[in-house]
Amino acid sequence: MPDDRNRTEYLNMYARTHYKRVPLNLKFDEYEALKEAADACNEPVNTYIKKAINERIQKQKH
């Protein structure tokens, strides 16, 4: 299965060069509140966080 390994290596290299990981530590109750809010919007937590960040950035620009 060298093709799978090459694909995985390529995807890992792409991620390293195009993305910056940002660790986020939350207390369990904070995460549960976040998860409930994301679920209420039918979004994954990651998408919900990214949208919240982008909204705040846009507000600061104006």
PDB file of N, CA and C in Angstrom:
ATOM      1  N   MET A   1       0.807  -1.205   0.000  1.00  0.00           N
ATOM      2  CA  MET A   1       0.000   0.000   0.000  1.00  0.00           C
ATOM      3  C   MET A   1       0.847   1.266   0.000  1.00  0.00           C
ATOM      4  N   PRO A   2       1.831   1.366  -0.845  1.00  0.00           N
ATOM      5  CA  PRO A   2       2.643   2.583  -0.880  1.00  0.00           C
ATOM      6  C   PRO A   2       1.841   3.809  -1.285  1.00  0.00           C
ATOM      7  N   ASP A   3       0.786   3.625  -2.086  1.00  0.00           N
ATOM      8  CA  ASP A   3      -0.005   4.777  -2.505  1.00  0.00           C
ATOM      9  C   ASP A   3      -0.669   5.459  -1.313  1.00  0.00           C
ATOM     10  N   ASP A   4      -1.202   4.659  -0.389  1.00  0.00           N
ATOM     11  CA  ASP A   4      -1.824   5.233   0.806  1.00  0.00           C
ATOM     12  C   ASP A   4      -0.808   5.975   1.656  1.00  0.00           C
ATOM     13  N   ARG A   5       0.374   5.405   1.782  1.00  0.00           N
ATOM     14  CA  ARG A   5       1.413   6.053   2.581  1.00  0.00           C
ATOM     15  C   ARG A   5       1.843   7.365   1.932  1.00  0.00           C
ATOM     16  N   ASN A   6       2.008   7.368   0.610  1.00  0.00           N
ATOM     17  CA  ASN A   6       2.398   8.592  -0.091  1.00  0.00           C
ATOM     18  C   ASN A   6       1.319   9.655   0.044  1.00  0.00           C
ATOM     19  N   ARG A   7       0.065   9.246  -0.045  1.00  0.00           N
ATOM     20  CA  ARG A   7      -1.038  10.194   0.112  1.00  0.00           C
ATOM     21  C   ARG A   7      -1.036  10.797   1.509  1.00  0.00           C
ATOM     22  N   THR A   8      -0.860   9.960   2.518  1.00  0.00           N
ATOM     23  CA  THR A   8      -0.822  10.433   3.899  1.00  0.00           C
ATOM     24  C   THR A   8       0.346  11.392   4.106  1.00  0.00           C
ATOM     25  N   GLU A   9       1.498  11.038   3.575  1.00  0.00           N
ATOM     26  CA  GLU A   9       2.672  11.915   3.691  1.00  0.00           C
ATOM     27  C   GLU A   9       2.407  13.257   3.009  1.00  0.00           C
ATOM     28  N   TYR A  10       1.790  13.213   1.843  1.00  0.00           N
ATOM     29  CA  TYR A  10       1.473  14.450   1.130  1.00  0.00           C
ATOM     30  C   TYR A  10       0.494  15.304   1.934  1.00  0.00           C
ATOM     31  N   LEU A  11      -0.554  14.691   2.457  1.00  0.00           N
ATOM     32  CA  LEU A  11      -1.546  15.450   3.235  1.00  0.00           C
ATOM     33  C   LEU A  11      -0.933  16.051   4.493  1.00  0.00           C
ATOM     34  N   ASN A  12      -0.049  15.301   5.135  1.00  0.00           N
ATOM     35  CA  ASN A  12       0.637  15.829   6.321  1.00  0.00           C
ATOM     36  C   ASN A  12       1.546  16.999   5.963  1.00  0.00           C
ATOM     37  N   MET A  13       2.275  16.883   4.855  1.00  0.00           N
ATOM     38  CA  MET A  13       3.148  17.963   4.411  1.00  0.00           C
ATOM     39  C   MET A  13       2.313  19.203   4.057  1.00  0.00           C
ATOM     40  N   TYR A  14       1.209  18.986   3.353  1.00  0.00           N
ATOM     41  CA  TYR A  14       0.332  20.101   2.988  1.00  0.00           C
ATOM     42  C   TYR A  14      -0.179  20.803   4.241  1.00  0.00           C
ATOM     43  N   ALA A  15      -0.629  20.038   5.212  1.00  0.00           N
ATOM     44  CA  ALA A  15      -1.147  20.630   6.450  1.00  0.00           C
ATOM     45  C   ALA A  15      -0.065  21.422   7.171  1.00  0.00           C
ATOM     46  N   ARG A  16       1.149  20.889   7.226  1.00  0.00           N
ATOM     47  CA  ARG A  16       2.244  21.599   7.904  1.00  0.00           C
ATOM     48  C   ARG A  16       2.570  22.929   7.244  1.00  0.00           C
ATOM     49  N   THR A  17       2.424  23.002   5.921  1.00  0.00           N
ATOM     50  CA  THR A  17       2.813  24.218   5.212  1.00  0.00           C
ATOM     51  C   THR A  17       1.666  25.203   4.998  1.00  0.00           C
ATOM     52  N   HIS A  18       0.421  24.794   5.227  1.00  0.00           N
ATOM     53  CA  HIS A  18      -0.716  25.664   4.951  1.00  0.00           C
ATOM     54  C   HIS A  18      -1.580  25.993   6.177  1.00  0.00           C
ATOM     55  N   TYR A  19      -1.348  25.325   7.278  1.00  0.00           N
ATOM     56  CA  TYR A  19      -2.184  25.534   8.455  1.00  0.00           C
ATOM     57  C   TYR A  19      -1.341  25.765   9.693  1.00  0.00           C
ATOM     58  N   LYS A  20      -1.895  26.503  10.620  1.00  0.00           N
ATOM     59  CA  LYS A  20      -1.273  26.690  11.923  1.00  0.00           C
ATOM     60  C   LYS A  20      -2.232  26.123  12.958  1.00  0.00           C
ATOM     61  N   ARG A  21      -1.791  25.156  13.720  1.00  0.00           N
ATOM     62  CA  ARG A  21      -2.634  24.573  14.759  1.00  0.00           C
ATOM     63  C   ARG A  21      -2.612  25.487  15.974  1.00  0.00           C
ATOM     64  N   VAL A  22      -3.774  25.682  16.558  1.00  0.00           N
ATOM     65  CA  VAL A  22      -3.899  26.529  17.731  1.00  0.00           C
ATOM     66  C   VAL A  22      -4.543  25.697  18.841  1.00  0.00           C
ATOM     67  N   PRO A  23      -3.758  25.282  19.815  1.00  0.00           N
ATOM     68  CA  PRO A  23      -4.337  24.497  20.911  1.00  0.00           C
ATOM     69  C   PRO A  23      -5.308  25.356  21.729  1.00  0.00           C
ATOM     70  N   LEU A  24      -6.342  24.740  22.199  1.00  0.00           N
ATOM     71  CA  LEU A  24      -7.343  25.452  22.989  1.00  0.00           C
ATOM     72  C   LEU A  24      -7.738  24.571  24.156  1.00  0.00           C
ATOM     73  N   ASN A  25      -7.467  25.033  25.361  1.00  0.00           N
ATOM     74  CA  ASN A  25      -7.846  24.293  26.556  1.00  0.00           C
ATOM     75  C   ASN A  25      -9.098  24.912  27.149  1.00  0.00           C
ATOM     76  N   LEU A  26     -10.104  24.085  27.372  1.00  0.00           N
ATOM     77  CA  LEU A  26     -11.352  24.534  27.974  1.00  0.00           C
ATOM     78  C   LEU A  26     -11.680  23.642  29.155  1.00  0.00           C
ATOM     79  N   LYS A  27     -12.310  24.210  30.146  1.00  0.00           N
ATOM     80  CA  LYS A  27     -12.850  23.393  31.224  1.00  0.00           C
ATOM     81  C   LYS A  27     -13.997  22.581  30.635  1.00  0.00           C
ATOM     82  N   PHE A  28     -14.289  21.453  31.256  1.00  0.00           N
ATOM     83  CA  PHE A  28     -15.322  20.578  30.726  1.00  0.00           C
ATOM     84  C   PHE A  28     -16.657  21.292  30.563  1.00  0.00           C
ATOM     85  N   ASP A  29     -17.035  22.111  31.540  1.00  0.00           N
ATOM     86  CA  ASP A  29     -18.334  22.799  31.441  1.00  0.00           C
ATOM     87  C   ASP A  29     -18.320  23.852  30.337  1.00  0.00           C
ATOM     88  N   GLU A  30     -17.166  24.485  30.105  1.00  0.00           N
ATOM     89  CA  GLU A  30     -17.062  25.447  29.004  1.00  0.00           C
ATOM     90  C   GLU A  30     -17.196  24.737  27.655  1.00  0.00           C
ATOM     91  N   TYR A  31     -16.565  23.556  27.546  1.00  0.00           N
ATOM     92  CA  TYR A  31     -16.669  22.803  26.305  1.00  0.00           C
ATOM     93  C   TYR A  31     -18.103  22.357  26.063  1.00  0.00           C
ATOM     94  N   GLU A  32     -18.774  21.911  27.096  1.00  0.00           N
ATOM     95  CA  GLU A  32     -20.163  21.461  26.943  1.00  0.00           C
ATOM     96  C   GLU A  32     -21.046  22.608  26.465  1.00  0.00           C
ATOM     97  N   ALA A  33     -20.845  23.816  27.002  1.00  0.00           N
ATOM     98  CA  ALA A  33     -21.610  24.982  26.566  1.00  0.00           C
ATOM     99  C   ALA A  33     -21.300  25.296  25.096  1.00  0.00           C
ATOM    100  N   LEU A  34     -20.040  25.201  24.730  1.00  0.00           N
ATOM    101  CA  LEU A  34     -19.627  25.434  23.349  1.00  0.00           C
ATOM    102  C   LEU A  34     -20.248  24.396  22.427  1.00  0.00           C
ATOM    103  N   LYS A  35     -20.196  23.140  22.821  1.00  0.00           N
ATOM    104  CA  LYS A  35     -20.753  22.051  22.015  1.00  0.00           C
ATOM    105  C   LYS A  35     -22.260  22.227  21.840  1.00  0.00           C
ATOM    106  N   GLU A  36     -22.962  22.611  22.893  1.00  0.00           N
ATOM    107  CA  GLU A  36     -24.407  22.843  22.801  1.00  0.00           C
ATOM    108  C   GLU A  36     -24.718  23.984  21.836  1.00  0.00           C
ATOM    109  N   ALA A  37     -23.934  25.055  21.905  1.00  0.00           N
ATOM    110  CA  ALA A  37     -24.142  26.189  21.004  1.00  0.00           C
ATOM    111  C   ALA A  37     -23.888  25.778  19.553  1.00  0.00           C
ATOM    112  N   ALA A  38     -22.830  25.025  19.317  1.00  0.00           N
ATOM    113  CA  ALA A  38     -22.516  24.557  17.965  1.00  0.00           C
ATOM    114  C   ALA A  38     -23.606  23.614  17.464  1.00  0.00           C
ATOM    115  N   ASP A  39     -24.059  22.717  18.323  1.00  0.00           N
ATOM    116  CA  ASP A  39     -25.128  21.786  17.945  1.00  0.00           C
ATOM    117  C   ASP A  39     -26.411  22.531  17.597  1.00  0.00           C
ATOM    118  N   ALA A  40     -26.704  23.594  18.339  1.00  0.00           N
ATOM    119  CA  ALA A  40     -27.912  24.383  18.082  1.00  0.00           C
ATOM    120  C   ALA A  40     -27.862  25.027  16.690  1.00  0.00           C
ATOM    121  N   CYS A  41     -26.658  25.264  16.199  1.00  0.00           N
ATOM    122  CA  CYS A  41     -26.475  25.837  14.856  1.00  0.00           C
ATOM    123  C   CYS A  41     -26.227  24.753  13.813  1.00  0.00           C
ATOM    124  N   ASN A  42     -26.311  23.499  14.228  1.00  0.00           N
ATOM    125  CA  ASN A  42     -26.023  22.363  13.323  1.00  0.00           C
ATOM    126  C   ASN A  42     -24.638  22.474  12.695  1.00  0.00           C
ATOM    127  N   GLU A  43     -23.658  22.836  13.504  1.00  0.00           N
ATOM    128  CA  GLU A  43     -22.281  22.979  13.037  1.00  0.00           C
ATOM    129  C   GLU A  43     -21.345  22.168  13.918  1.00  0.00           C
ATOM    130  N   PRO A  44     -20.231  21.718  13.346  1.00  0.00           N
ATOM    131  CA  PRO A  44     -19.186  21.126  14.187  1.00  0.00           C
ATOM    132  C   PRO A  44     -18.565  22.220  15.068  1.00  0.00           C
ATOM    133  N   VAL A  45     -17.995  21.819  16.180  1.00  0.00           N
ATOM    134  CA  VAL A  45     -17.384  22.776  17.112  1.00  0.00           C
ATOM    135  C   VAL A  45     -16.303  23.590  16.399  1.00  0.00           C
ATOM    136  N   ASN A  46     -15.485  22.950  15.575  1.00  0.00           N
ATOM    137  CA  ASN A  46     -14.409  23.634  14.861  1.00  0.00           C
ATOM    138  C   ASN A  46     -14.966  24.758  13.984  1.00  0.00           C
ATOM    139  N   THR A  47     -16.010  24.479  13.238  1.00  0.00           N
ATOM    140  CA  THR A  47     -16.625  25.486  12.368  1.00  0.00           C
ATOM    141  C   THR A  47     -17.202  26.622  13.200  1.00  0.00           C
ATOM    142  N   TYR A  48     -17.860  26.279  14.289  1.00  0.00           N
ATOM    143  CA  TYR A  48     -18.458  27.286  15.171  1.00  0.00           C
ATOM    144  C   TYR A  48     -17.382  28.236  15.712  1.00  0.00           C
ATOM    145  N   ILE A  49     -16.271  27.673  16.151  1.00  0.00           N
ATOM    146  CA  ILE A  49     -15.174  28.491  16.683  1.00  0.00           C
ATOM    147  C   ILE A  49     -14.607  29.398  15.594  1.00  0.00           C
ATOM    148  N   LYS A  50     -14.376  28.845  14.393  1.00  0.00           N
ATOM    149  CA  LYS A  50     -13.813  29.645  13.310  1.00  0.00           C
ATOM    150  C   LYS A  50     -14.743  30.798  12.935  1.00  0.00           C
ATOM    151  N   LYS A  51     -16.049  30.533  12.883  1.00  0.00           N
ATOM    152  CA  LYS A  51     -17.001  31.602  12.557  1.00  0.00           C
ATOM    153  C   LYS A  51     -17.000  32.672  13.643  1.00  0.00           C
ATOM    154  N   ALA A  52     -16.941  32.270  14.894  1.00  0.00           N
ATOM    155  CA  ALA A  52     -16.919  33.234  15.997  1.00  0.00           C
ATOM    156  C   ALA A  52     -15.667  34.113  15.922  1.00  0.00           C
ATOM    157  N   ILE A  53     -14.538  33.504  15.628  1.00  0.00           N
ATOM    158  CA  ILE A  53     -13.294  34.264  15.495  1.00  0.00           C
ATOM    159  C   ILE A  53     -13.401  35.252  14.344  1.00  0.00           C
ATOM    160  N   ASN A  54     -13.874  34.785  13.191  1.00  0.00           N
ATOM    161  CA  ASN A  54     -14.001  35.668  12.024  1.00  0.00           C
ATOM    162  C   ASN A  54     -14.969  36.817  12.274  1.00  0.00           C
ATOM    163  N   GLU A  55     -16.079  36.563  12.970  1.00  0.00           N
ATOM    164  CA  GLU A  55     -17.019  37.641  13.295  1.00  0.00           C
ATOM    165  C   GLU A  55     -16.360  38.700  14.169  1.00  0.00           C
ATOM    166  N   ARG A  56     -15.591  38.266  15.142  1.00  0.00           N
ATOM    167  CA  ARG A  56     -14.911  39.219  16.035  1.00  0.00           C
ATOM    168  C   ARG A  56     -13.874  40.030  15.265  1.00  0.00           C
ATOM    169  N   ILE A  57     -13.131  39.378  14.391  1.00  0.00           N
ATOM    170  CA  ILE A  57     -12.134  40.089  13.572  1.00  0.00           C
ATOM    171  C   ILE A  57     -12.822  41.135  12.709  1.00  0.00           C
ATOM    172  N   GLN A  58     -13.941  40.773  12.071  1.00  0.00           N
ATOM    173  CA  GLN A  58     -14.671  41.716  11.232  1.00  0.00           C
ATOM    174  C   GLN A  58     -15.186  42.906  12.036  1.00  0.00           C
ATOM    175  N   LYS A  59     -15.668  42.666  13.244  1.00  0.00           N
ATOM    176  CA  LYS A  59     -16.152  43.770  14.091  1.00  0.00           C
ATOM    177  C   LYS A  59     -15.011  44.728  14.432  1.00  0.00           C
ATOM    178  N   GLN A  60     -13.820  44.199  14.685  1.00  0.00           N
ATOM    179  CA  GLN A  60     -12.683  45.042  15.040  1.00  0.00           C
ATOM    180  C   GLN A  60     -12.205  45.869  13.869  1.00  0.00           C
ATOM    181  N   LYS A  61     -12.450  45.395  12.656  1.00  0.00           N
ATOM    182  CA  LYS A  61     -12.028  46.141  11.461  1.00  0.00           C
ATOM    183  C   LYS A  61     -12.912  47.378  11.231  1.00  0.00           C
ATOM    184  N   HIS A  62     -14.128  47.357  11.765  1.00  0.00           N
ATOM    185  CA  HIS A  62     -15.065  48.459  11.508  1.00  0.00           C
ATOM    186  C   HIS A  62     -15.148  49.398  12.657  1.00  0.00           C
TER     187      HIS A  62
END
